[in-house]
Amino acid sequence: MTSNQNLMLYTKLSGFRLVVLANGFGCETDFSRALHERLVEGLETAIVRVRIVMELERSALANDDEYAQYRLEGENEIFGRFTINLLDELDVDFETNEYRINGGNWTVALSADCDGVVIDYPRLVALTETELGSLAAIIRDIRQETGIAIHAARVVDSRCAGS
């Protein structure tokens, strides 16, 4: 991205941050408030990353610094994969048949009984627009205007469904 594109992205992210903060004042539930807070934190992180990219751009252009150029390429790559997770995050290691939820401890997905071996991973289920409430439209706008992926999903573990 060019400096002008990064400045526009910085401005959009800052504007969306203010929109989410203002929208959060109307939250009626703790769940909705938590989603707003997570989105604000994610936007603040994105803003910091864009500022780092802009500083590296200035350094690379002003000093013709190869190291700054190298770091700039790395930061651009990292930002290209930047994602905001509003609720749950699921990591699955298919080689070891383990998973973890929200960065917690790894859990084995294998179980065995007289009927055989079963591998049962939990799954992510996206929140509905009703569950997201007024954030649904804001999230759509952020994705469209900035290209940042925002995941709003909860983990559903079939092994715990009956308890």
C-alpha atoms as a PDB file:
ATOM      1  CA  MET A   1       0.000   0.000   0.000  1.00  0.00           C
ATOM      2  CA  THR A   2       1.062   3.571  -0.524  1.00  0.00           C
ATOM      3  CA  SER A   3       1.307   6.179   2.196  1.00  0.00           C
ATOM      4  CA  ASN A   4      -1.956   7.756   1.038  1.00  0.00           C
ATOM      5  CA  GLN A   5      -3.760   4.410   1.145  1.00  0.00           C
ATOM      6  CA  ASN A   6      -2.434   3.741   4.651  1.00  0.00           C
ATOM      7  CA  LEU A   7      -3.492   7.191   5.803  1.00  0.00           C
ATOM      8  CA  MET A   8      -7.003   6.573   4.426  1.00  0.00           C
ATOM      9  CA  LEU A   9      -7.097   3.163   6.117  1.00  0.00           C
ATOM     10  CA  TYR A  10      -5.952   4.726   9.398  1.00  0.00           C
ATOM     11  CA  THR A  11      -8.717   7.323   9.112  1.00  0.00           C
ATOM     12  CA  LYS A  12     -11.385   4.715   8.337  1.00  0.00           C
ATOM     13  CA  LEU A  13     -10.300   2.477  11.220  1.00  0.00           C
ATOM     14  CA  SER A  14     -10.321   5.421  13.634  1.00  0.00           C
ATOM     15  CA  GLY A  15     -13.782   6.422  12.433  1.00  0.00           C
ATOM     16  CA  PHE A  16     -15.121   2.891  12.830  1.00  0.00           C
ATOM     17  CA  ARG A  17     -13.611   2.740  16.316  1.00  0.00           C
ATOM     18  CA  LEU A  18     -15.596   5.848  17.275  1.00  0.00           C
ATOM     19  CA  VAL A  19     -18.766   4.410  15.720  1.00  0.00           C
ATOM     20  CA  VAL A  20     -18.393   1.182  17.714  1.00  0.00           C
ATOM     21  CA  LEU A  21     -17.688   3.110  20.928  1.00  0.00           C
ATOM     22  CA  ALA A  22     -20.777   5.270  20.417  1.00  0.00           C
ATOM     23  CA  ASN A  23     -22.891   2.257  19.508  1.00  0.00           C
ATOM     24  CA  GLY A  24     -21.695   0.468  22.637  1.00  0.00           C
ATOM     25  CA  PHE A  25     -23.429   2.997  24.872  1.00  0.00           C
ATOM     26  CA  GLY A  26     -26.763   1.534  23.795  1.00  0.00           C
ATOM     27  CA  CYS A  27     -25.883  -2.027  24.808  1.00  0.00           C
ATOM     28  CA  GLU A  28     -28.494  -3.664  26.989  1.00  0.00           C
ATOM     29  CA  THR A  29     -26.713  -6.959  27.705  1.00  0.00           C
ATOM     30  CA  ASP A  30     -23.281  -7.956  28.954  1.00  0.00           C
ATOM     31  CA  PHE A  31     -22.852 -10.147  25.878  1.00  0.00           C
ATOM     32  CA  SER A  32     -23.442  -7.231  23.507  1.00  0.00           C
ATOM     33  CA  ARG A  33     -21.150  -5.015  25.571  1.00  0.00           C
ATOM     34  CA  ALA A  34     -18.402  -7.667  25.415  1.00  0.00           C
ATOM     35  CA  LEU A  35     -18.715  -7.925  21.621  1.00  0.00           C
ATOM     36  CA  HIS A  36     -18.392  -4.144  21.307  1.00  0.00           C
ATOM     37  CA  GLU A  37     -15.339  -4.116  23.589  1.00  0.00           C
ATOM     38  CA  ARG A  38     -13.638  -6.899  21.599  1.00  0.00           C
ATOM     39  CA  LEU A  39     -14.309  -5.062  18.332  1.00  0.00           C
ATOM     40  CA  VAL A  40     -12.887  -1.818  19.738  1.00  0.00           C
ATOM     41  CA  GLU A  41      -9.769  -3.702  20.922  1.00  0.00           C
ATOM     42  CA  GLY A  42      -9.362  -5.269  17.490  1.00  0.00           C
ATOM     43  CA  LEU A  43      -9.727  -1.932  15.731  1.00  0.00           C
ATOM     44  CA  GLU A  44      -7.198  -0.346  18.101  1.00  0.00           C
ATOM     45  CA  THR A  45      -4.734  -3.136  17.315  1.00  0.00           C
ATOM     46  CA  ALA A  46      -5.269  -2.601  13.582  1.00  0.00           C
ATOM     47  CA  ILE A  47      -4.715   1.148  14.024  1.00  0.00           C
ATOM     48  CA  VAL A  48      -1.402   0.506  15.803  1.00  0.00           C
ATOM     49  CA  ARG A  49      -0.279  -1.847  13.018  1.00  0.00           C
ATOM     50  CA  VAL A  50      -1.122   0.729  10.337  1.00  0.00           C
ATOM     51  CA  ARG A  51       0.844   3.376  12.265  1.00  0.00           C
ATOM     52  CA  ILE A  52       3.843   1.023  12.388  1.00  0.00           C
ATOM     53  CA  VAL A  53       3.589   0.483   8.630  1.00  0.00           C
ATOM     54  CA  MET A  54       3.425   4.248   8.010  1.00  0.00           C
ATOM     55  CA  GLU A  55       6.479   4.861  10.222  1.00  0.00           C
ATOM     56  CA  LEU A  56       8.433   2.147   8.418  1.00  0.00           C
ATOM     57  CA  GLU A  57       7.429   3.636   5.062  1.00  0.00           C
ATOM     58  CA  ARG A  58       8.756   7.031   6.122  1.00  0.00           C
ATOM     59  CA  SER A  59      11.968   5.478   7.397  1.00  0.00           C
ATOM     60  CA  ALA A  60      12.491   3.422   4.254  1.00  0.00           C
ATOM     61  CA  LEU A  61      11.881   6.408   1.978  1.00  0.00           C
ATOM     62  CA  ALA A  62      13.863   8.970   3.962  1.00  0.00           C
ATOM     63  CA  ASN A  63      16.927   6.890   4.784  1.00  0.00           C
ATOM     64  CA  ASP A  64      16.907   4.403   1.926  1.00  0.00           C
ATOM     65  CA  ASP A  65      17.179   1.835   4.719  1.00  0.00           C
ATOM     66  CA  GLU A  66      17.174  -1.807   3.542  1.00  0.00           C
ATOM     67  CA  TYR A  67      16.329  -3.109   7.019  1.00  0.00           C
ATOM     68  CA  ALA A  68      13.322  -0.782   7.262  1.00  0.00           C
ATOM     69  CA  GLN A  69      12.214  -1.988   3.821  1.00  0.00           C
ATOM     70  CA  TYR A  70      12.544  -5.609   4.968  1.00  0.00           C
ATOM     71  CA  ARG A  71      10.499  -4.915   8.125  1.00  0.00           C
ATOM     72  CA  LEU A  72       7.931  -3.032   6.043  1.00  0.00           C
ATOM     73  CA  GLU A  73       7.414  -6.061   3.799  1.00  0.00           C
ATOM     74  CA  GLY A  74       6.945  -8.249   6.891  1.00  0.00           C
ATOM     75  CA  GLU A  75       4.478  -5.851   8.506  1.00  0.00           C
ATOM     76  CA  ASN A  76       2.464  -5.619   5.288  1.00  0.00           C
ATOM     77  CA  GLU A  77       2.300  -9.398   5.116  1.00  0.00           C
ATOM     78  CA  ILE A  78       1.207  -9.653   8.751  1.00  0.00           C
ATOM     79  CA  PHE A  79      -1.427  -6.965   8.304  1.00  0.00           C
ATOM     80  CA  GLY A  80      -2.724  -8.730   5.198  1.00  0.00           C
ATOM     81  CA  ARG A  81      -3.665 -11.696   7.417  1.00  0.00           C
ATOM     82  CA  PHE A  82      -4.997  -9.584  10.304  1.00  0.00           C
ATOM     83  CA  THR A  83      -8.286 -10.873  11.712  1.00  0.00           C
ATOM     84  CA  ILE A  84     -10.477  -9.698  14.579  1.00  0.00           C
ATOM     85  CA  ASN A  85     -12.108 -12.488  16.607  1.00  0.00           C
ATOM     86  CA  LEU A  86     -15.109 -11.269  18.575  1.00  0.00           C
ATOM     87  CA  LEU A  87     -16.011 -14.377  20.494  1.00  0.00           C
ATOM     88  CA  ASP A  88     -14.372 -17.787  20.269  1.00  0.00           C
ATOM     89  CA  GLU A  89     -11.291 -19.037  18.486  1.00  0.00           C
ATOM     90  CA  LEU A  90     -10.704 -22.683  17.635  1.00  0.00           C
ATOM     91  CA  ASP A  91      -7.278 -24.155  16.815  1.00  0.00           C
ATOM     92  CA  VAL A  92      -7.201 -27.710  15.458  1.00  0.00           C
ATOM     93  CA  ASP A  93      -4.100 -29.865  15.037  1.00  0.00           C
ATOM     94  CA  PHE A  94      -5.161 -32.667  12.695  1.00  0.00           C
ATOM     95  CA  GLU A  95      -1.800 -34.430  12.985  1.00  0.00           C
ATOM     96  CA  THR A  96      -2.171 -35.013  16.732  1.00  0.00           C
ATOM     97  CA  ASN A  97      -6.004 -35.013  16.752  1.00  0.00           C
ATOM     98  CA  GLU A  98      -6.066 -32.218  19.329  1.00  0.00           C
ATOM     99  CA  TYR A  99      -7.840 -28.888  19.572  1.00  0.00           C
ATOM    100  CA  ARG A 100      -7.893 -25.866  21.840  1.00  0.00           C
ATOM    101  CA  ILE A 101     -10.471 -23.197  22.415  1.00  0.00           C
ATOM    102  CA  ASN A 102      -9.505 -19.541  22.910  1.00  0.00           C
ATOM    103  CA  GLY A 103      -5.825 -20.343  23.363  1.00  0.00           C
ATOM    104  CA  GLY A 104      -6.505 -22.688  26.293  1.00  0.00           C
ATOM    105  CA  ASN A 105      -5.114 -26.143  26.900  1.00  0.00           C
ATOM    106  CA  TRP A 106      -4.968 -28.673  24.105  1.00  0.00           C
ATOM    107  CA  THR A 107      -7.671 -31.358  24.288  1.00  0.00           C
ATOM    108  CA  VAL A 108      -7.604 -34.750  22.593  1.00  0.00           C
ATOM    109  CA  ALA A 109     -10.455 -35.256  20.136  1.00  0.00           C
ATOM    110  CA  LEU A 110     -10.061 -39.037  20.113  1.00  0.00           C
ATOM    111  CA  SER A 111     -12.311 -41.284  22.115  1.00  0.00           C
ATOM    112  CA  ALA A 112     -12.545 -45.048  22.101  1.00  0.00           C
ATOM    113  CA  ASP A 113     -15.117 -47.516  23.357  1.00  0.00           C
ATOM    114  CA  CYS A 114     -16.404 -50.960  22.389  1.00  0.00           C
ATOM    115  CA  ASP A 115     -17.817 -49.503  19.149  1.00  0.00           C
ATOM    116  CA  GLY A 116     -14.413 -48.218  17.975  1.00  0.00           C
ATOM    117  CA  VAL A 117     -12.431 -45.016  17.781  1.00  0.00           C
ATOM    118  CA  VAL A 118     -14.170 -41.697  17.185  1.00  0.00           C
ATOM    119  CA  ILE A 119     -12.554 -38.359  16.364  1.00  0.00           C
ATOM    120  CA  ASP A 120     -14.922 -35.563  17.373  1.00  0.00           C
ATOM    121  CA  TYR A 121     -13.756 -31.970  16.936  1.00  0.00           C
ATOM    122  CA  PRO A 122     -15.866 -29.046  18.082  1.00  0.00           C
ATOM    123  CA  ARG A 123     -17.004 -26.623  15.407  1.00  0.00           C
ATOM    124  CA  LEU A 124     -17.460 -22.901  15.055  1.00  0.00           C
ATOM    125  CA  VAL A 125     -20.990 -21.607  14.520  1.00  0.00           C
ATOM    126  CA  ALA A 126     -21.361 -18.029  13.308  1.00  0.00           C
ATOM    127  CA  LEU A 127     -23.453 -15.663  15.395  1.00  0.00           C
ATOM    128  CA  THR A 128     -26.707 -14.645  13.761  1.00  0.00           C
ATOM    129  CA  GLU A 129     -27.524 -11.064  12.855  1.00  0.00           C
ATOM    130  CA  THR A 130     -30.005 -11.078  15.745  1.00  0.00           C
ATOM    131  CA  GLU A 131     -27.242 -12.075  18.181  1.00  0.00           C
ATOM    132  CA  LEU A 132     -24.925  -9.408  16.752  1.00  0.00           C
ATOM    133  CA  GLY A 133     -27.649  -6.776  16.899  1.00  0.00           C
ATOM    134  CA  SER A 134     -26.574  -3.347  15.730  1.00  0.00           C
ATOM    135  CA  LEU A 135     -22.986  -4.587  15.292  1.00  0.00           C
ATOM    136  CA  ALA A 136     -23.963  -6.685  12.253  1.00  0.00           C
ATOM    137  CA  ALA A 137     -24.180  -3.687   9.920  1.00  0.00           C
ATOM    138  CA  ILE A 138     -21.044  -2.090  11.386  1.00  0.00           C
ATOM    139  CA  ILE A 139     -19.057  -5.314  10.925  1.00  0.00           C
ATOM    140  CA  ARG A 140     -20.240  -5.560   7.321  1.00  0.00           C
ATOM    141  CA  ASP A 141     -19.135  -1.967   6.687  1.00  0.00           C
ATOM    142  CA  ILE A 142     -15.725  -2.532   8.291  1.00  0.00           C
ATOM    143  CA  ARG A 143     -15.116  -5.629   6.149  1.00  0.00           C
ATOM    144  CA  GLN A 144     -16.209  -3.827   3.005  1.00  0.00           C
ATOM    145  CA  GLU A 145     -14.287  -0.594   3.625  1.00  0.00           C
ATOM    146  CA  THR A 146     -11.045  -1.994   5.089  1.00  0.00           C
ATOM    147  CA  GLY A 147     -10.828  -5.607   3.974  1.00  0.00           C
ATOM    148  CA  ILE A 148     -10.215  -6.740   7.569  1.00  0.00           C
ATOM    149  CA  ALA A 149     -11.787 -10.091   8.393  1.00  0.00           C
ATOM    150  CA  ILE A 150     -13.975 -10.124  11.488  1.00  0.00           C
ATOM    151  CA  HIS A 151     -15.033 -13.475  12.909  1.00  0.00           C
ATOM    152  CA  ALA A 152     -18.002 -13.683  15.239  1.00  0.00           C
ATOM    153  CA  ALA A 153     -18.536 -17.341  16.073  1.00  0.00           C
ATOM    154  CA  ARG A 154     -18.989 -19.553  19.098  1.00  0.00           C
ATOM    155  CA  VAL A 155     -17.536 -23.000  19.645  1.00  0.00           C
ATOM    156  CA  VAL A 156     -20.050 -25.848  19.783  1.00  0.00           C
ATOM    157  CA  ASP A 157     -18.752 -29.106  21.232  1.00  0.00           C
ATOM    158  CA  SER A 158     -21.083 -32.010  20.546  1.00  0.00           C
ATOM    159  CA  ARG A 159     -19.589 -33.998  23.431  1.00  0.00           C
ATOM    160  CA  CYS A 160     -20.759 -31.331  25.900  1.00  0.00           C
ATOM    161  CA  ALA A 161     -24.206 -30.806  24.341  1.00  0.00           C
ATOM    162  CA  GLY A 162     -25.937 -33.338  26.551  1.00  0.00           C
ATOM    163  CA  SER A 163     -24.575 -32.034  29.855  1.00  0.00           C
END
